[in-house]
Amino acid sequence: MTGGALLGLVLLSMGWLFFFGGLAANYQALRAGSKRGLGPLPGLVGSLTVFFSLPALRNYGVEAPWPWLWILLPLALDPWLALLLRRSK
């Protein structure tokens, strides 16, 4: 494994871990009734991580249908969007 591939693997792993941890933190803040949290950052990091994970999966023969759906899915899973919609009403 080259240094660049190792760096890419580390960055993708950190992106996934931050997305899932931030998602849990945002849901916990939403459940506690707090308006604080990590904001939309976990959803954005998750979308970027999926964006860079799809070509890596394609190299291993895994073809994901509808790639833009998978890229936008972390933004939809993040409860920060629900908080923004609730605040705007």
PDB file of N, CA and C in Angstrom:
ATOM      1  N   MET A   1       0.851  -1.163   0.000  1.00  0.00           N
ATOM      2  CA  MET A   1       0.000   0.000   0.000  1.00  0.00           C
ATOM      3  C   MET A   1       0.906   1.238   0.000  1.00  0.00           C
ATOM      4  N   THR A   2       0.614   2.153  -0.878  1.00  0.00           N
ATOM      5  CA  THR A   2       1.427   3.368  -0.962  1.00  0.00           C
ATOM      6  C   THR A   2       1.008   4.358   0.109  1.00  0.00           C
ATOM      7  N   GLY A   3       1.818   5.374   0.288  1.00  0.00           N
ATOM      8  CA  GLY A   3       1.512   6.382   1.302  1.00  0.00           C
ATOM      9  C   GLY A   3       0.243   7.152   0.992  1.00  0.00           C
ATOM     10  N   GLY A   4       0.020   7.431  -0.295  1.00  0.00           N
ATOM     11  CA  GLY A   4      -1.194   8.154  -0.682  1.00  0.00           C
ATOM     12  C   GLY A   4      -2.455   7.344  -0.435  1.00  0.00           C
ATOM     13  N   ALA A   5      -2.374   6.038  -0.709  1.00  0.00           N
ATOM     14  CA  ALA A   5      -3.531   5.175  -0.465  1.00  0.00           C
ATOM     15  C   ALA A   5      -3.819   5.053   1.027  1.00  0.00           C
ATOM     16  N   LEU A   6      -2.761   4.966   1.823  1.00  0.00           N
ATOM     17  CA  LEU A   6      -2.940   4.896   3.267  1.00  0.00           C
ATOM     18  C   LEU A   6      -3.548   6.181   3.817  1.00  0.00           C
ATOM     19  N   LEU A   7      -3.077   7.311   3.315  1.00  0.00           N
ATOM     20  CA  LEU A   7      -3.644   8.602   3.734  1.00  0.00           C
ATOM     21  C   LEU A   7      -5.120   8.699   3.345  1.00  0.00           C
ATOM     22  N   GLY A   8      -5.459   8.239   2.136  1.00  0.00           N
ATOM     23  CA  GLY A   8      -6.853   8.243   1.717  1.00  0.00           C
ATOM     24  C   GLY A   8      -7.719   7.358   2.584  1.00  0.00           C
ATOM     25  N   LEU A   9      -7.204   6.191   2.946  1.00  0.00           N
ATOM     26  CA  LEU A   9      -7.946   5.284   3.815  1.00  0.00           C
ATOM     27  C   LEU A   9      -8.174   5.894   5.187  1.00  0.00           C
ATOM     28  N   VAL A  10      -7.162   6.542   5.735  1.00  0.00           N
ATOM     29  CA  VAL A  10      -7.292   7.185   7.044  1.00  0.00           C
ATOM     30  C   VAL A  10      -8.311   8.321   6.978  1.00  0.00           C
ATOM     31  N   LEU A  11      -8.254   9.132   5.927  1.00  0.00           N
ATOM     32  CA  LEU A  11      -9.194  10.261   5.812  1.00  0.00           C
ATOM     33  C   LEU A  11     -10.631   9.785   5.621  1.00  0.00           C
ATOM     34  N   LEU A  12     -10.830   8.734   4.824  1.00  0.00           N
ATOM     35  CA  LEU A  12     -12.182   8.200   4.656  1.00  0.00           C
ATOM     36  C   LEU A  12     -12.706   7.622   5.968  1.00  0.00           C
ATOM     37  N   SER A  13     -11.845   6.929   6.700  1.00  0.00           N
ATOM     38  CA  SER A  13     -12.269   6.370   7.988  1.00  0.00           C
ATOM     39  C   SER A  13     -12.625   7.469   8.972  1.00  0.00           C
ATOM     40  N   MET A  14     -11.825   8.528   9.012  1.00  0.00           N
ATOM     41  CA  MET A  14     -12.128   9.645   9.904  1.00  0.00           C
ATOM     42  C   MET A  14     -13.422  10.339   9.501  1.00  0.00           C
ATOM     43  N   GLY A  15     -13.666  10.448   8.197  1.00  0.00           N
ATOM     44  CA  GLY A  15     -14.911  11.058   7.731  1.00  0.00           C
ATOM     45  C   GLY A  15     -16.126  10.261   8.151  1.00  0.00           C
ATOM     46  N   TRP A  16     -16.061   8.926   8.003  1.00  0.00           N
ATOM     47  CA  TRP A  16     -17.192   8.087   8.413  1.00  0.00           C
ATOM     48  C   TRP A  16     -17.409   8.152   9.915  1.00  0.00           C
ATOM     49  N   LEU A  17     -16.328   8.108  10.681  1.00  0.00           N
ATOM     50  CA  LEU A  17     -16.465   8.166  12.138  1.00  0.00           C
ATOM     51  C   LEU A  17     -17.035   9.511  12.589  1.00  0.00           C
ATOM     52  N   PHE A  18     -16.585  10.599  11.979  1.00  0.00           N
ATOM     53  CA  PHE A  18     -17.130  11.903  12.351  1.00  0.00           C
ATOM     54  C   PHE A  18     -18.596  12.012  11.960  1.00  0.00           C
ATOM     55  N   PHE A  19     -18.963  11.459  10.812  1.00  0.00           N
ATOM     56  CA  PHE A  19     -20.366  11.511  10.394  1.00  0.00           C
ATOM     57  C   PHE A  19     -21.259  10.771  11.386  1.00  0.00           C
ATOM     58  N   PHE A  20     -20.898   9.535  11.738  1.00  0.00           N
ATOM     59  CA  PHE A  20     -21.753   8.765  12.647  1.00  0.00           C
ATOM     60  C   PHE A  20     -21.748   9.346  14.055  1.00  0.00           C
ATOM     61  N   GLY A  21     -20.588   9.801  14.525  1.00  0.00           N
ATOM     62  CA  GLY A  21     -20.538  10.432  15.846  1.00  0.00           C
ATOM     63  C   GLY A  21     -21.294  11.748  15.891  1.00  0.00           C
ATOM     64  N   GLY A  22     -21.157  12.551  14.856  1.00  0.00           N
ATOM     65  CA  GLY A  22     -21.883  13.818  14.789  1.00  0.00           C
ATOM     66  C   GLY A  22     -23.377  13.622  14.638  1.00  0.00           C
ATOM     67  N   LEU A  23     -23.751  12.588  13.909  1.00  0.00           N
ATOM     68  CA  LEU A  23     -25.168  12.268  13.769  1.00  0.00           C
ATOM     69  C   LEU A  23     -25.759  11.894  15.123  1.00  0.00           C
ATOM     70  N   ALA A  24     -25.029  11.096  15.889  1.00  0.00           N
ATOM     71  CA  ALA A  24     -25.496  10.727  17.232  1.00  0.00           C
ATOM     72  C   ALA A  24     -25.569  11.953  18.137  1.00  0.00           C
ATOM     73  N   ALA A  25     -24.594  12.846  18.044  1.00  0.00           N
ATOM     74  CA  ALA A  25     -24.603  14.061  18.870  1.00  0.00           C
ATOM     75  C   ALA A  25     -25.772  14.968  18.503  1.00  0.00           C
ATOM     76  N   ASN A  26     -26.058  15.102  17.206  1.00  0.00           N
ATOM     77  CA  ASN A  26     -27.172  15.952  16.786  1.00  0.00           C
ATOM     78  C   ASN A  26     -28.516  15.360  17.208  1.00  0.00           C
ATOM     79  N   TYR A  27     -28.661  14.035  17.113  1.00  0.00           N
ATOM     80  CA  TYR A  27     -29.917  13.421  17.565  1.00  0.00           C
ATOM     81  C   TYR A  27     -30.078  13.553  19.074  1.00  0.00           C
ATOM     82  N   GLN A  28     -28.976  13.454  19.804  1.00  0.00           N
ATOM     83  CA  GLN A  28     -29.052  13.617  21.252  1.00  0.00           C
ATOM     84  C   GLN A  28     -29.420  15.058  21.613  1.00  0.00           C
ATOM     85  N   ALA A  29     -28.868  16.032  20.895  1.00  0.00           N
ATOM     86  CA  ALA A  29     -29.221  17.431  21.136  1.00  0.00           C
ATOM     87  C   ALA A  29     -30.676  17.690  20.774  1.00  0.00           C
ATOM     88  N   LEU A  30     -31.158  17.073  19.713  1.00  0.00           N
ATOM     89  CA  LEU A  30     -32.557  17.236  19.305  1.00  0.00           C
ATOM     90  C   LEU A  30     -33.487  16.613  20.341  1.00  0.00           C
ATOM     91  N   ARG A  31     -33.117  15.445  20.856  1.00  0.00           N
ATOM     92  CA  ARG A  31     -33.948  14.766  21.847  1.00  0.00           C
ATOM     93  C   ARG A  31     -33.979  15.535  23.165  1.00  0.00           C
ATOM     94  N   ALA A  32     -32.872  16.195  23.514  1.00  0.00           N
ATOM     95  CA  ALA A  32     -32.806  16.959  24.757  1.00  0.00           C
ATOM     96  C   ALA A  32     -33.495  18.314  24.628  1.00  0.00           C
ATOM     97  N   GLY A  33     -33.900  18.678  23.430  1.00  0.00           N
ATOM     98  CA  GLY A  33     -34.574  19.946  23.215  1.00  0.00           C
ATOM     99  C   GLY A  33     -33.617  21.112  23.071  1.00  0.00           C
ATOM    100  N   SER A  34     -32.358  20.822  22.928  1.00  0.00           N
ATOM    101  CA  SER A  34     -31.351  21.871  22.797  1.00  0.00           C
ATOM    102  C   SER A  34     -31.274  22.331  21.346  1.00  0.00           C
ATOM    103  N   LYS A  35     -30.989  23.609  21.173  1.00  0.00           N
ATOM    104  CA  LYS A  35     -30.812  24.119  19.809  1.00  0.00           C
ATOM    105  C   LYS A  35     -29.344  24.064  19.416  1.00  0.00           C
ATOM    106  N   ARG A  36     -28.519  23.570  20.315  1.00  0.00           N
ATOM    107  CA  ARG A  36     -27.100  23.449  20.016  1.00  0.00           C
ATOM    108  C   ARG A  36     -26.825  22.058  19.483  1.00  0.00           C
ATOM    109  N   GLY A  37     -25.741  21.924  18.895  1.00  0.00           N
ATOM    110  CA  GLY A  37     -25.311  20.659  18.321  1.00  0.00           C
ATOM    111  C   GLY A  37     -24.127  20.967  17.427  1.00  0.00           C
ATOM    112  N   LEU A  38     -23.838  20.082  16.547  1.00  0.00           N
ATOM    113  CA  LEU A  38     -22.734  20.310  15.621  1.00  0.00           C
ATOM    114  C   LEU A  38     -23.190  20.995  14.347  1.00  0.00           C
ATOM    115  N   GLY A  39     -24.453  21.288  14.256  1.00  0.00           N
ATOM    116  CA  GLY A  39     -24.969  21.958  13.063  1.00  0.00           C
ATOM    117  C   GLY A  39     -25.004  21.015  11.869  1.00  0.00           C
ATOM    118  N   PRO A  40     -24.917  21.573  10.686  1.00  0.00           N
ATOM    119  CA  PRO A  40     -24.982  20.729   9.494  1.00  0.00           C
ATOM    120  C   PRO A  40     -23.648  20.081   9.153  1.00  0.00           C
ATOM    121  N   LEU A  41     -22.630  20.275   9.975  1.00  0.00           N
ATOM    122  CA  LEU A  41     -21.295  19.767   9.660  1.00  0.00           C
ATOM    123  C   LEU A  41     -21.231  18.246   9.498  1.00  0.00           C
ATOM    124  N   PRO A  42     -21.867  17.436  10.368  1.00  0.00           N
ATOM    125  CA  PRO A  42     -21.803  15.979  10.140  1.00  0.00           C
ATOM    126  C   PRO A  42     -22.431  15.552   8.809  1.00  0.00           C
ATOM    127  N   GLY A  43     -23.513  16.184   8.418  1.00  0.00           N
ATOM    128  CA  GLY A  43     -24.129  15.852   7.134  1.00  0.00           C
ATOM    129  C   GLY A  43     -23.244  16.221   5.955  1.00  0.00           C
ATOM    130  N   LEU A  44     -22.579  17.357   6.043  1.00  0.00           N
ATOM    131  CA  LEU A  44     -21.673  17.771   4.966  1.00  0.00           C
ATOM    132  C   LEU A  44     -20.458  16.853   4.884  1.00  0.00           C
ATOM    133  N   VAL A  45     -19.903  16.515   6.038  1.00  0.00           N
ATOM    134  CA  VAL A  45     -18.752  15.598   6.051  1.00  0.00           C
ATOM    135  C   VAL A  45     -19.175  14.226   5.530  1.00  0.00           C
ATOM    136  N   GLY A  46     -20.367  13.778   5.911  1.00  0.00           N
ATOM    137  CA  GLY A  46     -20.864  12.496   5.409  1.00  0.00           C
ATOM    138  C   GLY A  46     -21.055  12.499   3.905  1.00  0.00           C
ATOM    139  N   SER A  47     -21.565  13.591   3.362  1.00  0.00           N
ATOM    140  CA  SER A  47     -21.746  13.684   1.908  1.00  0.00           C
ATOM    141  C   SER A  47     -20.405  13.674   1.184  1.00  0.00           C
ATOM    142  N   LEU A  48     -19.445  14.402   1.710  1.00  0.00           N
ATOM    143  CA  LEU A  48     -18.114  14.396   1.093  1.00  0.00           C
ATOM    144  C   LEU A  48     -17.460  13.023   1.191  1.00  0.00           C
ATOM    145  N   THR A  49     -17.669  12.353   2.308  1.00  0.00           N
ATOM    146  CA  THR A  49     -17.096  11.018   2.478  1.00  0.00           C
ATOM    147  C   THR A  49     -17.717  10.035   1.494  1.00  0.00           C
ATOM    148  N   VAL A  50     -19.026  10.107   1.310  1.00  0.00           N
ATOM    149  CA  VAL A  50     -19.674   9.234   0.324  1.00  0.00           C
ATOM    150  C   VAL A  50     -19.182   9.575  -1.073  1.00  0.00           C
ATOM    151  N   PHE A  51     -19.018  10.867  -1.356  1.00  0.00           N
ATOM    152  CA  PHE A  51     -18.553  11.297  -2.678  1.00  0.00           C
ATOM    153  C   PHE A  51     -17.190  10.686  -3.000  1.00  0.00           C
ATOM    154  N   PHE A  52     -16.303  10.627  -2.011  1.00  0.00           N
ATOM    155  CA  PHE A  52     -14.977  10.072  -2.260  1.00  0.00           C
ATOM    156  C   PHE A  52     -14.931   8.556  -2.062  1.00  0.00           C
ATOM    157  N   SER A  53     -15.937   7.973  -1.419  1.00  0.00           N
ATOM    158  CA  SER A  53     -15.977   6.517  -1.232  1.00  0.00           C
ATOM    159  C   SER A  53     -16.510   5.796  -2.461  1.00  0.00           C
ATOM    160  N   LEU A  54     -17.402   6.424  -3.206  1.00  0.00           N
ATOM    161  CA  LEU A  54     -17.998   5.749  -4.369  1.00  0.00           C
ATOM    162  C   LEU A  54     -16.965   5.359  -5.424  1.00  0.00           C
ATOM    163  N   PRO A  55     -16.012   6.227  -5.791  1.00  0.00           N
ATOM    164  CA  PRO A  55     -15.000   5.764  -6.752  1.00  0.00           C
ATOM    165  C   PRO A  55     -14.109   4.660  -6.194  1.00  0.00           C
ATOM    166  N   ALA A  56     -13.835   4.699  -4.889  1.00  0.00           N
ATOM    167  CA  ALA A  56     -13.033   3.635  -4.291  1.00  0.00           C
ATOM    168  C   ALA A  56     -13.783   2.306  -4.343  1.00  0.00           C
ATOM    169  N   LEU A  57     -15.083   2.345  -4.101  1.00  0.00           N
ATOM    170  CA  LEU A  57     -15.881   1.113  -4.198  1.00  0.00           C
ATOM    171  C   LEU A  57     -15.942   0.605  -5.626  1.00  0.00           C
ATOM    172  N   ARG A  58     -16.005   1.534  -6.587  1.00  0.00           N
ATOM    173  CA  ARG A  58     -16.076   1.133  -7.991  1.00  0.00           C
ATOM    174  C   ARG A  58     -14.799   0.387  -8.407  1.00  0.00           C
ATOM    175  N   ASN A  59     -13.654   0.771  -7.815  1.00  0.00           N
ATOM    176  CA  ASN A  59     -12.405   0.070  -8.120  1.00  0.00           C
ATOM    177  C   ASN A  59     -12.436  -1.376  -7.652  1.00  0.00           C
ATOM    178  N   TYR A  60     -13.240  -1.672  -6.646  1.00  0.00           N
ATOM    179  CA  TYR A  60     -13.369  -3.037  -6.145  1.00  0.00           C
ATOM    180  C   TYR A  60     -14.541  -3.790  -6.771  1.00  0.00           C
ATOM    181  N   GLY A  61     -15.182  -3.193  -7.749  1.00  0.00           N
ATOM    182  CA  GLY A  61     -16.254  -3.879  -8.461  1.00  0.00           C
ATOM    183  C   GLY A  61     -17.640  -3.678  -7.877  1.00  0.00           C
ATOM    184  N   VAL A  62     -17.780  -2.792  -6.890  1.00  0.00           N
ATOM    185  CA  VAL A  62     -19.090  -2.519  -6.292  1.00  0.00           C
ATOM    186  C   VAL A  62     -19.686  -1.316  -7.011  1.00  0.00           C
ATOM    187  N   GLU A  63     -20.774  -1.532  -7.708  1.00  0.00           N
ATOM    188  CA  GLU A  63     -21.430  -0.456  -8.453  1.00  0.00           C
ATOM    189  C   GLU A  63     -22.671  -0.012  -7.690  1.00  0.00           C
ATOM    190  N   ALA A  64     -22.688   1.236  -7.256  1.00  0.00           N
ATOM    191  CA  ALA A  64     -23.826   1.766  -6.494  1.00  0.00           C
ATOM    192  C   ALA A  64     -24.802   2.439  -7.463  1.00  0.00           C
ATOM    193  N   PRO A  65     -26.065   1.993  -7.483  1.00  0.00           N
ATOM    194  CA  PRO A  65     -27.035   2.668  -8.334  1.00  0.00           C
ATOM    195  C   PRO A  65     -27.392   4.032  -7.751  1.00  0.00           C
ATOM    196  N   TRP A  66     -27.719   4.960  -8.599  1.00  0.00           N
ATOM    197  CA  TRP A  66     -28.106   6.317  -8.222  1.00  0.00           C
ATOM    198  C   TRP A  66     -27.077   6.968  -7.285  1.00  0.00           C
ATOM    199  N   PRO A  67     -25.896   7.276  -7.764  1.00  0.00           N
ATOM    200  CA  PRO A  67     -24.852   7.794  -6.870  1.00  0.00           C
ATOM    201  C   PRO A  67     -25.230   9.103  -6.178  1.00  0.00           C
ATOM    202  N   TRP A  68     -25.995   9.964  -6.830  1.00  0.00           N
ATOM    203  CA  TRP A  68     -26.343  11.240  -6.189  1.00  0.00           C
ATOM    204  C   TRP A  68     -27.301  11.050  -5.029  1.00  0.00           C
ATOM    205  N   LEU A  69     -28.097   9.999  -5.077  1.00  0.00           N
ATOM    206  CA  LEU A  69     -28.951   9.682  -3.933  1.00  0.00           C
ATOM    207  C   LEU A  69     -28.090   9.362  -2.714  1.00  0.00           C
ATOM    208  N   TRP A  70     -27.045   8.568  -2.913  1.00  0.00           N
ATOM    209  CA  TRP A  70     -26.180   8.183  -1.801  1.00  0.00           C
ATOM    210  C   TRP A  70     -25.357   9.359  -1.300  1.00  0.00           C
ATOM    211  N   ILE A  71     -25.036  10.281  -2.197  1.00  0.00           N
ATOM    212  CA  ILE A  71     -24.265  11.453  -1.792  1.00  0.00           C
ATOM    213  C   ILE A  71     -25.135  12.404  -0.964  1.00  0.00           C
ATOM    214  N   LEU A  72     -26.398  12.553  -1.315  1.00  0.00           N
ATOM    215  CA  LEU A  72     -27.281  13.470  -0.596  1.00  0.00           C
ATOM    216  C   LEU A  72     -27.949  12.832   0.623  1.00  0.00           C
ATOM    217  N   LEU A  73     -27.896  11.525   0.746  1.00  0.00           N
ATOM    218  CA  LEU A  73     -28.538  10.839   1.864  1.00  0.00           C
ATOM    219  C   LEU A  73     -28.009  11.274   3.240  1.00  0.00           C
ATOM    220  N   PRO A  74     -26.705  11.468   3.440  1.00  0.00           N
ATOM    221  CA  PRO A  74     -26.269  11.939   4.763  1.00  0.00           C
ATOM    222  C   PRO A  74     -26.842  13.294   5.152  1.00  0.00           C
ATOM    223  N   LEU A  75     -27.066  14.164   4.189  1.00  0.00           N
ATOM    224  CA  LEU A  75     -27.700  15.456   4.497  1.00  0.00           C
ATOM    225  C   LEU A  75     -29.138  15.266   4.944  1.00  0.00           C
ATOM    226  N   ALA A  76     -29.827  14.295   4.346  1.00  0.00           N
ATOM    227  CA  ALA A  76     -31.216  14.049   4.722  1.00  0.00           C
ATOM    228  C   ALA A  76     -31.315  13.343   6.080  1.00  0.00           C
ATOM    229  N   LEU A  77     -30.313  12.542   6.429  1.00  0.00           N
ATOM    230  CA  LEU A  77     -30.336  11.836   7.708  1.00  0.00           C
ATOM    231  C   LEU A  77     -30.002  12.735   8.888  1.00  0.00           C
ATOM    232  N   ASP A  78     -29.315  13.824   8.627  1.00  0.00           N
ATOM    233  CA  ASP A  78     -28.903  14.724   9.699  1.00  0.00           C
ATOM    234  C   ASP A  78     -30.124  15.484  10.221  1.00  0.00           C
ATOM    235  N   PRO A  79     -30.387  15.463  11.524  1.00  0.00           N
ATOM    236  CA  PRO A  79     -31.580  16.130  12.051  1.00  0.00           C
ATOM    237  C   PRO A  79     -31.478  17.653  12.032  1.00  0.00           C
ATOM    238  N   TRP A  80     -30.341  18.194  11.665  1.00  0.00           N
ATOM    239  CA  TRP A  80     -30.192  19.640  11.627  1.00  0.00           C
ATOM    240  C   TRP A  80     -31.155  20.260  10.614  1.00  0.00           C
ATOM    241  N   LEU A  81     -31.431  19.552   9.528  1.00  0.00           N
ATOM    242  CA  LEU A  81     -32.392  20.048   8.544  1.00  0.00           C
ATOM    243  C   LEU A  81     -33.773  20.173   9.156  1.00  0.00           C
ATOM    244  N   ALA A  82     -34.159  19.207   9.994  1.00  0.00           N
ATOM    245  CA  ALA A  82     -35.456  19.275  10.678  1.00  0.00           C
ATOM    246  C   ALA A  82     -35.490  20.438  11.641  1.00  0.00           C
ATOM    247  N   LEU A  83     -34.372  20.715  12.322  1.00  0.00           N
ATOM    248  CA  LEU A  83     -34.320  21.868  13.220  1.00  0.00           C
ATOM    249  C   LEU A  83     -34.455  23.181  12.462  1.00  0.00           C
ATOM    250  N   LEU A  84     -33.824  23.274  11.303  1.00  0.00           N
ATOM    251  CA  LEU A  84     -33.937  24.496  10.495  1.00  0.00           C
ATOM    252  C   LEU A  84     -35.362  24.693   9.995  1.00  0.00           C
ATOM    253  N   LEU A  85     -36.011  23.609   9.569  1.00  0.00           N
ATOM    254  CA  LEU A  85     -37.380  23.719   9.089  1.00  0.00           C
ATOM    255  C   LEU A  85     -38.323  24.071  10.227  1.00  0.00           C
ATOM    256  N   ARG A  86     -38.065  23.547  11.421  1.00  0.00           N
ATOM    257  CA  ARG A  86     -38.915  23.846  12.571  1.00  0.00           C
ATOM    258  C   ARG A  86     -38.744  25.301  12.998  1.00  0.00           C
ATOM    259  N   ARG A  87     -37.525  25.832  12.908  1.00  0.00           N
ATOM    260  CA  ARG A  87     -37.269  27.223  13.290  1.00  0.00           C
ATOM    261  C   ARG A  87     -37.879  28.221  12.316  1.00  0.00           C
ATOM    262  N   SER A  88     -37.959  27.837  11.036  1.00  0.00           N
ATOM    263  CA  SER A  88     -38.450  28.780  10.034  1.00  0.00           C
ATOM    264  C   SER A  88     -39.959  28.974  10.113  1.00  0.00           C
ATOM    265  N   LYS A  89     -40.682  28.078  10.763  1.00  0.00           N
ATOM    266  CA  LYS A  89     -42.139  28.207  10.865  1.00  0.00           C
ATOM    267  C   LYS A  89     -42.531  29.122  11.992  1.00  0.00           C
TER     268      LYS A  89
END
